[in-house]
Amino acid sequence: MSFDIERMNKLPPEARFFDINELWYYPNRWVVKFLYPLPVTPNQVTIASLVAGLVSVGFYMIESSVGLIFGALFLYLKIFLDNVDGNLGRVRGEVSRLGRFLDSLTDFMISFLIYLVLTSRLVNETGDSIYWFLGVLALLSCLLHCSYFVFYLVQYTSNVGAYFYNRTDEHISKEDSEAYDKGDLSKLVYSLQCCHVFLYGWQDKAIEHFDSLSKKLRFGRERQSFLEAEWYANKNFLTMISPLCLCTNNVLLVMFSLIDEIELGFFFIVVIGNFYLVGLQGWKIFKPRNSFFI
C-alpha cells in the first residue's frame, strides 16, 4: 500500500480543527514518510521517545547551563517522537490499544521525572524548599490540563465516529474482564490498562465531574433543549483548548529551559494555564446561544 498522508489524521477533513500542537511537530510528516517502508513499528518509536525523555532527565540533572540546553533539546525530541508514533500507526493501519497505553504511560513517566528533576534543581540552586510546592502544583496542573484536552477531544472524535482507541473512561469494564478471561485481551495490554487507570484515573474522574457540573450549570433550566452531541461538537472550542495539551505544556518547559527560567515556566503553567482553563470553561457555560464557542 502506498503512503497516504491523509491517513495520519484522526479525523475526516470536514471534522478537523486547528490544533496548535501541530506547530511544534509539523515536520514529522516527512519523518513518518521516511519510516513508512522501513521495518520500524510505532511501538518502537514510542520506546525511542521514552529513551529521549530519559536522556533529557539525565541532562537536566546536570546543574549547569549545558544541562538545561541539552535537557531541553532531548525533551523536544521526546515530544516530536511522541507524535511520530501515532501518525505512523494511523498511516499504516497499526493503531492499537497496546500503543495507546504504552504512549500514555511513557508520557506520565517522563513528565513526572522531568518535573521532579527540575524542581530539585530549583531547590538546590536557591536553597528554598517552597519550590517543592510549586513543582507539585505545576505537575498536577500539567496533568489536569492534558486530561481536560483529551477528554473533550475523545468525546468529539467518538461523536464523529472517527477514533475509538481512546476512551474518556478507561476503567476496567466488564467487557474488558471478559475479553481478558477469554484470551482476547492480552495480559500485557490488560496490565498496562490497569497501570493507566491507577495513574490517570483520578484525573479522568475529576474532569468528568467538572464537565458534568458544567452541563448542569449550562442546561439546568433548559433540559429539553440539551443535546449531548452539541456540547462536544464545536471545533473552535477544541482549537482554543489545544494549548492545554501535554505537548504544548512540555514545549513551554523547553522554551523556559533554554532561557534558564524554570521557575517562571512553572508559574506560567500554574497561574496562566489554570486561569485560561477556567476562563474557557466559564465561557462555554455562560456564553450566548449564538456565540463563537459552544
Protein backbone atom coordinates (compact mmCIF):
# COMPACT_ATOMS: atom_id res chain seq x y z
CA MET A 1 0.00 0.00 0.00
CA SER A 2 1.39 3.40 -1.00
CA PHE A 3 1.96 6.17 1.52
CA ASP A 4 -1.14 8.33 2.03
CA ILE A 5 -0.52 11.35 4.23
CA GLU A 6 -4.27 11.79 4.79
CA ARG A 7 -4.32 8.61 6.86
CA MET A 8 -2.20 10.35 9.51
CA ASN A 9 -5.25 12.31 10.64
CA LYS A 10 -7.61 11.01 13.32
CA LEU A 11 -10.47 12.97 11.77
CA PRO A 12 -12.03 13.25 8.30
CA PRO A 13 -11.42 16.59 6.52
CA GLU A 14 -14.82 18.06 7.37
CA ALA A 15 -14.38 17.36 11.10
CA ARG A 16 -10.84 18.70 11.53
CA PHE A 17 -9.90 21.75 13.58
CA PHE A 18 -6.72 23.75 14.02
CA ASP A 19 -4.62 22.20 16.78
CA ILE A 20 -1.82 24.49 17.95
CA ASN A 21 0.31 21.43 18.74
CA GLU A 22 0.75 20.90 15.01
CA LEU A 23 3.10 23.89 15.05
CA TRP A 24 5.57 22.03 17.26
CA TYR A 25 5.80 18.85 15.21
CA TYR A 26 4.78 19.81 11.67
CA PRO A 27 7.95 18.26 10.08
CA ASN A 28 7.03 14.82 11.45
CA ARG A 29 5.09 14.08 8.28
CA TRP A 30 8.40 13.73 6.45
CA VAL A 31 9.78 11.50 9.20
CA VAL A 32 6.64 9.34 9.02
CA LYS A 33 7.02 9.12 5.24
CA PHE A 34 10.67 8.08 5.68
CA LEU A 35 9.79 5.41 8.27
CA TYR A 36 6.72 4.12 6.41
CA PRO A 37 8.51 1.47 4.26
CA LEU A 38 11.02 0.56 6.97
CA PRO A 39 10.62 -2.33 9.47
CA VAL A 40 10.11 0.12 12.35
CA THR A 41 6.93 -0.25 14.37
CA PRO A 42 5.00 2.58 16.05
CA ASN A 43 5.68 0.98 19.46
CA GLN A 44 9.41 1.03 18.75
CA VAL A 45 9.13 4.76 18.06
CA THR A 46 7.32 5.12 21.40
CA ILE A 47 10.22 3.35 23.11
CA ALA A 48 12.61 5.73 21.33
CA SER A 49 10.61 8.66 22.71
CA LEU A 50 10.93 7.13 26.18
CA VAL A 51 14.70 6.88 25.76
CA ALA A 52 14.88 10.51 24.57
CA GLY A 53 12.87 11.55 27.61
CA LEU A 54 15.17 9.66 29.97
CA VAL A 55 18.23 11.24 28.34
CA SER A 56 16.55 14.62 28.85
CA VAL A 57 16.08 13.82 32.55
CA GLY A 58 19.76 12.86 32.77
CA PHE A 59 20.90 16.16 31.27
CA TYR A 60 18.55 18.17 33.49
CA MET A 61 20.28 16.59 36.48
CA ILE A 62 23.50 18.34 35.41
CA GLU A 63 23.32 21.67 37.24
CA SER A 64 24.75 23.88 34.53
CA SER A 65 23.53 25.81 31.51
CA VAL A 66 24.72 22.95 29.31
CA GLY A 67 22.48 20.57 31.23
CA LEU A 68 19.49 22.85 30.69
CA ILE A 69 20.13 23.26 26.97
CA PHE A 70 20.62 19.58 26.20
CA GLY A 71 17.82 18.61 28.56
CA ALA A 72 15.51 20.91 26.60
CA LEU A 73 16.70 19.59 23.23
CA PHE A 74 16.13 15.96 24.19
CA LEU A 75 12.77 16.83 25.76
CA TYR A 76 11.74 18.33 22.42
CA LEU A 77 12.96 15.16 20.67
CA LYS A 78 10.73 13.17 23.01
CA ILE A 79 7.77 15.45 22.14
CA PHE A 80 8.47 15.06 18.44
CA LEU A 81 8.75 11.25 18.52
CA ASP A 82 5.67 11.08 20.72
CA ASN A 83 3.68 12.34 17.76
CA VAL A 84 5.50 10.33 15.11
CA ASP A 85 4.44 7.01 16.67
CA GLY A 86 0.71 7.72 16.47
CA ASN A 87 0.90 9.12 12.96
CA LEU A 88 2.95 6.15 11.77
CA GLY A 89 0.42 3.79 13.34
CA ARG A 90 -2.51 5.51 11.65
CA VAL A 91 -0.92 5.74 8.22
CA ARG A 92 -0.07 2.02 8.36
CA GLY A 93 -3.34 0.98 9.99
CA GLU A 94 -1.45 -0.33 13.03
CA VAL A 95 -3.14 1.71 15.75
CA SER A 96 -3.80 -0.44 18.81
CA ARG A 97 -4.79 -0.39 22.46
CA LEU A 98 -1.26 -1.52 23.31
CA GLY A 99 0.16 1.56 21.63
CA ARG A 100 -2.42 3.75 23.33
CA PHE A 101 -1.42 2.65 26.84
CA LEU A 102 2.30 2.44 26.11
CA ASP A 103 2.19 6.03 24.88
CA SER A 104 0.21 7.38 27.84
CA LEU A 105 2.38 5.62 30.43
CA THR A 106 5.54 6.90 28.74
CA ASP A 107 4.11 10.43 28.91
CA PHE A 108 3.35 10.09 32.61
CA MET A 109 6.75 8.63 33.50
CA ILE A 110 8.73 11.29 31.66
CA SER A 111 6.52 14.14 32.88
CA PHE A 112 6.88 13.01 36.48
CA LEU A 113 10.66 12.66 36.21
CA ILE A 114 11.13 15.96 34.37
CA TYR A 115 9.15 17.94 36.95
CA LEU A 116 10.89 16.11 39.79
CA VAL A 117 14.36 16.86 38.47
CA LEU A 118 13.61 20.48 37.56
CA THR A 119 12.02 21.10 40.96
CA SER A 120 15.01 19.53 42.71
CA ARG A 121 17.26 21.72 40.60
CA LEU A 122 15.40 24.89 41.70
CA VAL A 123 15.58 23.86 45.36
CA ASN A 124 19.32 23.15 45.13
CA GLU A 125 20.05 26.40 43.30
CA THR A 126 18.01 28.63 45.63
CA GLY A 127 18.05 26.72 48.90
CA ASP A 128 14.32 27.40 49.18
CA SER A 129 12.14 24.32 49.79
CA ILE A 130 9.00 26.24 48.75
CA TYR A 131 9.84 25.23 45.20
CA TRP A 132 8.79 21.66 46.04
CA PHE A 133 5.27 23.04 46.49
CA LEU A 134 5.48 24.96 43.23
CA GLY A 135 6.82 21.93 41.37
CA VAL A 136 3.99 19.69 42.62
CA LEU A 137 1.40 22.30 41.64
CA ALA A 138 2.97 22.62 38.19
CA LEU A 139 2.95 18.84 37.64
CA LEU A 140 -0.65 18.46 38.82
CA SER A 141 -1.71 21.40 36.66
CA CYS A 142 0.04 19.93 33.63
CA LEU A 143 -1.64 16.54 34.12
CA LEU A 144 -5.09 18.08 34.60
CA HIS A 145 -4.66 20.35 31.58
CA CYS A 146 -3.79 17.29 29.49
CA SER A 147 -6.77 15.28 30.79
CA TYR A 148 -9.06 18.24 30.11
CA PHE A 149 -7.95 18.49 26.49
CA VAL A 150 -8.01 14.72 25.93
CA PHE A 151 -11.49 14.42 27.47
CA TYR A 152 -13.08 16.85 25.03
CA LEU A 153 -11.03 15.60 22.09
CA VAL A 154 -12.05 11.97 22.68
CA GLN A 155 -15.70 12.97 23.14
CA TYR A 156 -15.52 14.85 19.84
CA THR A 157 -13.76 12.12 17.86
CA SER A 158 -16.14 9.49 19.25
CA ASN A 159 -19.19 11.54 18.29
CA VAL A 160 -17.98 11.97 14.72
CA GLY A 161 -17.24 8.24 14.56
CA ALA A 162 -13.55 8.65 13.77
CA TYR A 163 -11.43 7.23 16.57
CA PHE A 164 -12.19 4.62 19.22
CA TYR A 165 -8.82 3.50 20.60
CA ASN A 166 -9.06 6.14 23.34
CA ARG A 167 -11.93 6.25 25.80
CA THR A 168 -12.91 9.07 28.12
CA ASP A 169 -13.21 6.43 30.85
CA GLU A 170 -10.50 3.77 30.70
CA HIS A 171 -11.60 1.81 33.78
CA ILE A 172 -11.59 -1.98 33.51
CA SER A 173 -15.07 -2.68 32.18
CA LYS A 174 -16.98 -5.95 32.33
CA GLU A 175 -16.24 -6.39 28.62
CA ASP A 176 -12.51 -5.90 29.25
CA SER A 177 -12.51 -8.51 32.02
CA GLU A 178 -14.43 -10.98 29.90
CA ALA A 179 -12.08 -10.42 26.95
CA TYR A 180 -9.09 -10.97 29.24
CA ASP A 181 -10.58 -14.19 30.65
CA LYS A 182 -11.23 -15.48 27.13
CA GLY A 183 -7.72 -14.60 25.96
CA ASP A 184 -8.97 -11.96 23.51
CA LEU A 185 -7.23 -9.25 25.55
CA SER A 186 -3.54 -9.91 26.15
CA LYS A 187 -2.04 -9.88 29.64
CA LEU A 188 0.31 -7.07 28.60
CA VAL A 189 -2.48 -4.78 27.38
CA TYR A 190 -4.61 -5.64 30.42
CA SER A 191 -1.71 -4.86 32.78
CA LEU A 192 -0.93 -1.58 31.04
CA GLN A 193 -4.60 -0.61 31.21
CA CYS A 194 -4.58 -1.27 34.98
CA CYS A 195 -1.49 0.94 35.32
CA HIS A 196 -3.16 3.63 33.24
CA VAL A 197 -6.26 3.59 35.46
CA PHE A 198 -4.09 3.78 38.60
CA LEU A 199 -2.10 6.77 37.33
CA TYR A 200 -4.70 8.66 35.30
CA GLY A 201 -7.99 7.53 36.83
CA TRP A 202 -8.25 10.37 39.35
CA GLN A 203 -7.60 12.96 36.64
CA ASP A 204 -10.17 11.50 34.26
CA LYS A 205 -12.79 11.34 37.03
CA ALA A 206 -12.03 14.92 38.09
CA ILE A 207 -12.51 16.21 34.53
CA GLU A 208 -15.63 14.08 34.06
CA HIS A 209 -17.21 15.59 37.21
CA PHE A 210 -16.08 19.07 36.14
CA ASP A 211 -17.78 18.55 32.77
CA SER A 212 -20.93 17.18 34.40
CA LEU A 213 -21.15 20.22 36.68
CA SER A 214 -20.60 22.50 33.69
CA LYS A 215 -23.50 20.91 31.83
CA LYS A 216 -25.76 21.30 34.85
CA LEU A 217 -24.88 24.97 35.10
CA ARG A 218 -25.41 25.45 31.37
CA PHE A 219 -28.57 23.43 30.81
CA GLY A 220 -30.17 23.29 34.25
CA ARG A 221 -33.15 25.40 33.20
CA GLU A 222 -33.46 24.14 29.65
CA ARG A 223 -33.05 20.39 29.84
CA GLN A 224 -35.41 19.80 26.93
CA SER A 225 -33.15 21.68 24.52
CA PHE A 226 -29.99 19.90 25.65
CA LEU A 227 -28.29 17.67 23.09
CA GLU A 228 -25.25 15.74 24.34
CA ALA A 229 -23.54 15.74 20.95
CA GLU A 230 -23.81 19.53 20.58
CA TRP A 231 -21.97 20.09 23.85
CA TYR A 232 -18.89 18.39 22.39
CA ALA A 233 -19.26 19.42 18.74
CA ASN A 234 -17.65 22.85 18.44
CA LYS A 235 -14.31 22.87 16.61
CA ASN A 236 -13.49 26.42 17.69
CA PHE A 237 -13.60 25.37 21.34
CA LEU A 238 -11.24 22.46 20.60
CA THR A 239 -8.83 24.85 18.92
CA MET A 240 -8.88 27.13 21.95
CA ILE A 241 -8.20 24.32 24.44
CA SER A 242 -5.45 22.71 22.33
CA PRO A 243 -2.69 24.79 24.06
CA LEU A 244 -3.53 22.83 27.22
CA CYS A 245 -2.33 19.58 25.66
CA LEU A 246 0.68 17.86 27.23
CA CYS A 247 2.69 18.63 24.10
CA THR A 248 2.36 22.40 24.49
CA ASN A 249 3.00 22.22 28.24
CA ASN A 250 6.26 20.38 27.53
CA VAL A 251 7.20 22.82 24.77
CA LEU A 252 6.82 25.60 27.36
CA LEU A 253 9.29 23.76 29.58
CA VAL A 254 11.67 23.52 26.62
CA MET A 255 11.42 27.26 25.96
CA PHE A 256 11.82 28.31 29.59
CA SER A 257 14.73 25.87 29.98
CA LEU A 258 16.57 27.46 27.07
CA ILE A 259 16.35 30.89 28.74
CA ASP A 260 17.14 29.42 32.19
CA GLU A 261 13.80 30.47 33.70
CA ILE A 262 12.35 27.21 35.03
CA GLU A 263 10.69 28.99 37.95
CA LEU A 264 8.89 31.33 35.54
CA GLY A 265 7.82 28.34 33.45
CA PHE A 266 6.25 26.65 36.48
CA PHE A 267 4.42 29.86 37.40
CA PHE A 268 3.18 30.19 33.82
CA ILE A 269 1.74 26.65 33.82
CA VAL A 270 0.14 27.02 37.26
CA VAL A 271 -1.24 30.54 37.01
CA ILE A 272 -1.78 31.33 33.34
CA GLY A 273 -2.67 27.75 32.41
CA ASN A 274 -5.29 27.32 35.13
CA PHE A 275 -6.84 30.75 34.61
CA TYR A 276 -7.03 30.01 30.90
CA LEU A 277 -8.75 26.65 31.50
CA VAL A 278 -11.29 28.06 33.96
CA GLY A 279 -11.94 31.06 31.71
CA LEU A 280 -12.65 28.90 28.67
CA GLN A 281 -14.94 26.62 30.63
CA GLY A 282 -16.76 29.61 32.10
CA TRP A 283 -17.34 30.96 28.59
CA LYS A 284 -18.55 27.54 27.46
CA ILE A 285 -21.08 27.51 30.29
CA PHE A 286 -22.37 31.07 30.19
CA LYS A 287 -21.92 32.02 26.55
CA PRO A 288 -24.82 33.42 24.48
CA ARG A 289 -26.58 30.96 22.17
CA ASN A 290 -25.13 32.48 19.00
CA SER A 291 -21.57 32.64 20.35
CA PHE A 292 -18.38 31.57 18.59
CA PHE A 293 -17.94 28.70 21.07
CA ILE A 294 -20.28 26.05 22.42
